[in-house]
């Protein structure tokens, strides 16, 4: 293997390991710290907005309901959708 092949192989292994360890977060039960720590692209402020919205309005019926949270737009939701659940099958 040449250096390019080794580098590409290492990158693919890291990607596979990162994907395998990805945790799906239940936005109806997770606290803000868990959301921010486990959802790529969601920081503490947006995570707190998710929890605040849930506490004020009740549980999310679907992941699409996150569009109702200030600061979460369709592009953000598209990027994080596979990392989230509402606890329903």
C-alpha atoms as a PDB file:
ATOM      1  CA  UNK A   1       0.000   0.000   0.000  1.00  0.00           C
ATOM      2  CA  UNK A   2       1.262   3.437  -0.819  1.00  0.00           C
ATOM      3  CA  UNK A   3       0.875   6.411   1.523  1.00  0.00           C
ATOM      4  CA  UNK A   4      -2.301   7.665  -0.186  1.00  0.00           C
ATOM      5  CA  UNK A   5      -3.959   4.272   0.119  1.00  0.00           C
ATOM      6  CA  UNK A   6      -2.954   4.022   3.781  1.00  0.00           C
ATOM      7  CA  UNK A   7      -4.307   7.492   4.504  1.00  0.00           C
ATOM      8  CA  UNK A   8      -7.573   6.756   2.731  1.00  0.00           C
ATOM      9  CA  UNK A   9      -7.926   3.451   4.567  1.00  0.00           C
ATOM     10  CA  UNK A  10      -7.286   5.129   7.936  1.00  0.00           C
ATOM     11  CA  UNK A  11      -9.864   7.809   7.159  1.00  0.00           C
ATOM     12  CA  UNK A  12     -12.467   5.200   6.231  1.00  0.00           C
ATOM     13  CA  UNK A  13     -11.818   3.256   9.430  1.00  0.00           C
ATOM     14  CA  UNK A  14     -12.214   6.417  11.510  1.00  0.00           C
ATOM     15  CA  UNK A  15     -15.437   7.262   9.711  1.00  0.00           C
ATOM     16  CA  UNK A  16     -16.821   3.778  10.270  1.00  0.00           C
ATOM     17  CA  UNK A  17     -15.928   3.817  13.957  1.00  0.00           C
ATOM     18  CA  UNK A  18     -17.443   7.275  14.413  1.00  0.00           C
ATOM     19  CA  UNK A  19     -20.664   6.195  12.718  1.00  0.00           C
ATOM     20  CA  UNK A  20     -20.870   2.976  14.703  1.00  0.00           C
ATOM     21  CA  UNK A  21     -20.586   4.890  17.976  1.00  0.00           C
ATOM     22  CA  UNK A  22     -23.177   7.487  17.043  1.00  0.00           C
ATOM     23  CA  UNK A  23     -25.969   7.622  19.583  1.00  0.00           C
ATOM     24  CA  UNK A  24     -29.548   8.396  18.636  1.00  0.00           C
ATOM     25  CA  UNK A  25     -30.947  10.973  21.044  1.00  0.00           C
ATOM     26  CA  UNK A  26     -34.569  10.976  22.206  1.00  0.00           C
ATOM     27  CA  UNK A  27     -35.544  14.669  22.163  1.00  0.00           C
ATOM     28  CA  UNK A  28     -38.515  13.898  24.406  1.00  0.00           C
ATOM     29  CA  UNK A  29     -36.408  12.639  27.297  1.00  0.00           C
ATOM     30  CA  UNK A  30     -32.836  13.925  26.880  1.00  0.00           C
ATOM     31  CA  UNK A  31     -31.616  16.929  28.822  1.00  0.00           C
ATOM     32  CA  UNK A  32     -29.866  19.856  27.142  1.00  0.00           C
ATOM     33  CA  UNK A  33     -26.402  18.611  28.076  1.00  0.00           C
ATOM     34  CA  UNK A  34     -27.038  15.215  26.455  1.00  0.00           C
ATOM     35  CA  UNK A  35     -28.477  16.789  23.313  1.00  0.00           C
ATOM     36  CA  UNK A  36     -25.550  19.184  22.921  1.00  0.00           C
ATOM     37  CA  UNK A  37     -23.000  16.445  23.605  1.00  0.00           C
ATOM     38  CA  UNK A  38     -24.459  13.845  21.256  1.00  0.00           C
ATOM     39  CA  UNK A  39     -26.017  15.705  18.331  1.00  0.00           C
ATOM     40  CA  UNK A  40     -23.492  17.035  15.860  1.00  0.00           C
ATOM     41  CA  UNK A  41     -24.198  20.685  15.047  1.00  0.00           C
ATOM     42  CA  UNK A  42     -26.328  21.390  18.125  1.00  0.00           C
ATOM     43  CA  UNK A  43     -24.637  23.484  20.772  1.00  0.00           C
ATOM     44  CA  UNK A  44     -25.758  24.343  24.283  1.00  0.00           C
ATOM     45  CA  UNK A  45     -28.050  27.216  23.272  1.00  0.00           C
ATOM     46  CA  UNK A  46     -30.013  25.233  20.674  1.00  0.00           C
ATOM     47  CA  UNK A  47     -30.132  22.218  22.979  1.00  0.00           C
ATOM     48  CA  UNK A  48     -31.589  24.393  25.735  1.00  0.00           C
ATOM     49  CA  UNK A  49     -34.120  25.828  23.250  1.00  0.00           C
ATOM     50  CA  UNK A  50     -35.227  22.266  22.407  1.00  0.00           C
ATOM     51  CA  UNK A  51     -35.737  21.402  26.085  1.00  0.00           C
ATOM     52  CA  UNK A  52     -37.469  24.725  26.809  1.00  0.00           C
ATOM     53  CA  UNK A  53     -39.857  24.208  23.892  1.00  0.00           C
ATOM     54  CA  UNK A  54     -40.632  20.661  25.027  1.00  0.00           C
ATOM     55  CA  UNK A  55     -41.298  21.799  28.592  1.00  0.00           C
ATOM     56  CA  UNK A  56     -43.603  24.605  27.414  1.00  0.00           C
ATOM     57  CA  UNK A  57     -45.463  22.673  24.709  1.00  0.00           C
ATOM     58  CA  UNK A  58     -45.280  19.000  25.606  1.00  0.00           C
ATOM     59  CA  UNK A  59     -43.463  16.178  23.847  1.00  0.00           C
ATOM     60  CA  UNK A  60     -42.527  16.314  20.192  1.00  0.00           C
ATOM     61  CA  UNK A  61     -44.811  14.145  18.068  1.00  0.00           C
ATOM     62  CA  UNK A  62     -42.162  13.760  15.383  1.00  0.00           C
ATOM     63  CA  UNK A  63     -38.628  14.915  14.686  1.00  0.00           C
ATOM     64  CA  UNK A  64     -40.141  17.377  12.185  1.00  0.00           C
ATOM     65  CA  UNK A  65     -41.684  19.259  15.138  1.00  0.00           C
ATOM     66  CA  UNK A  66     -38.201  20.552  15.907  1.00  0.00           C
ATOM     67  CA  UNK A  67     -38.814  23.074  13.132  1.00  0.00           C
ATOM     68  CA  UNK A  68     -41.032  24.841  15.685  1.00  0.00           C
ATOM     69  CA  UNK A  69     -38.006  25.485  17.916  1.00  0.00           C
ATOM     70  CA  UNK A  70     -36.411  28.890  17.416  1.00  0.00           C
ATOM     71  CA  UNK A  71     -32.998  28.454  15.793  1.00  0.00           C
ATOM     72  CA  UNK A  72     -33.757  25.114  14.117  1.00  0.00           C
ATOM     73  CA  UNK A  73     -34.394  25.440  10.401  1.00  0.00           C
ATOM     74  CA  UNK A  74     -34.887  22.879   7.695  1.00  0.00           C
ATOM     75  CA  UNK A  75     -31.180  22.742   6.787  1.00  0.00           C
ATOM     76  CA  UNK A  76     -30.206  22.085  10.404  1.00  0.00           C
ATOM     77  CA  UNK A  77     -32.920  19.470  10.776  1.00  0.00           C
ATOM     78  CA  UNK A  78     -31.838  17.716   7.584  1.00  0.00           C
ATOM     79  CA  UNK A  79     -28.283  17.512   8.969  1.00  0.00           C
ATOM     80  CA  UNK A  80     -29.284  16.071  12.348  1.00  0.00           C
ATOM     81  CA  UNK A  81     -32.434  14.062  11.579  1.00  0.00           C
ATOM     82  CA  UNK A  82     -30.682  10.673  11.651  1.00  0.00           C
ATOM     83  CA  UNK A  83     -29.294  11.443  15.116  1.00  0.00           C
ATOM     84  CA  UNK A  84     -32.732  12.018  16.683  1.00  0.00           C
ATOM     85  CA  UNK A  85     -35.827  10.168  17.755  1.00  0.00           C
ATOM     86  CA  UNK A  86     -38.995  11.050  19.611  1.00  0.00           C
ATOM     87  CA  UNK A  87     -39.007   7.683  21.354  1.00  0.00           C
ATOM     88  CA  UNK A  88     -41.676   6.284  19.041  1.00  0.00           C
ATOM     89  CA  UNK A  89     -40.974   3.281  16.818  1.00  0.00           C
END
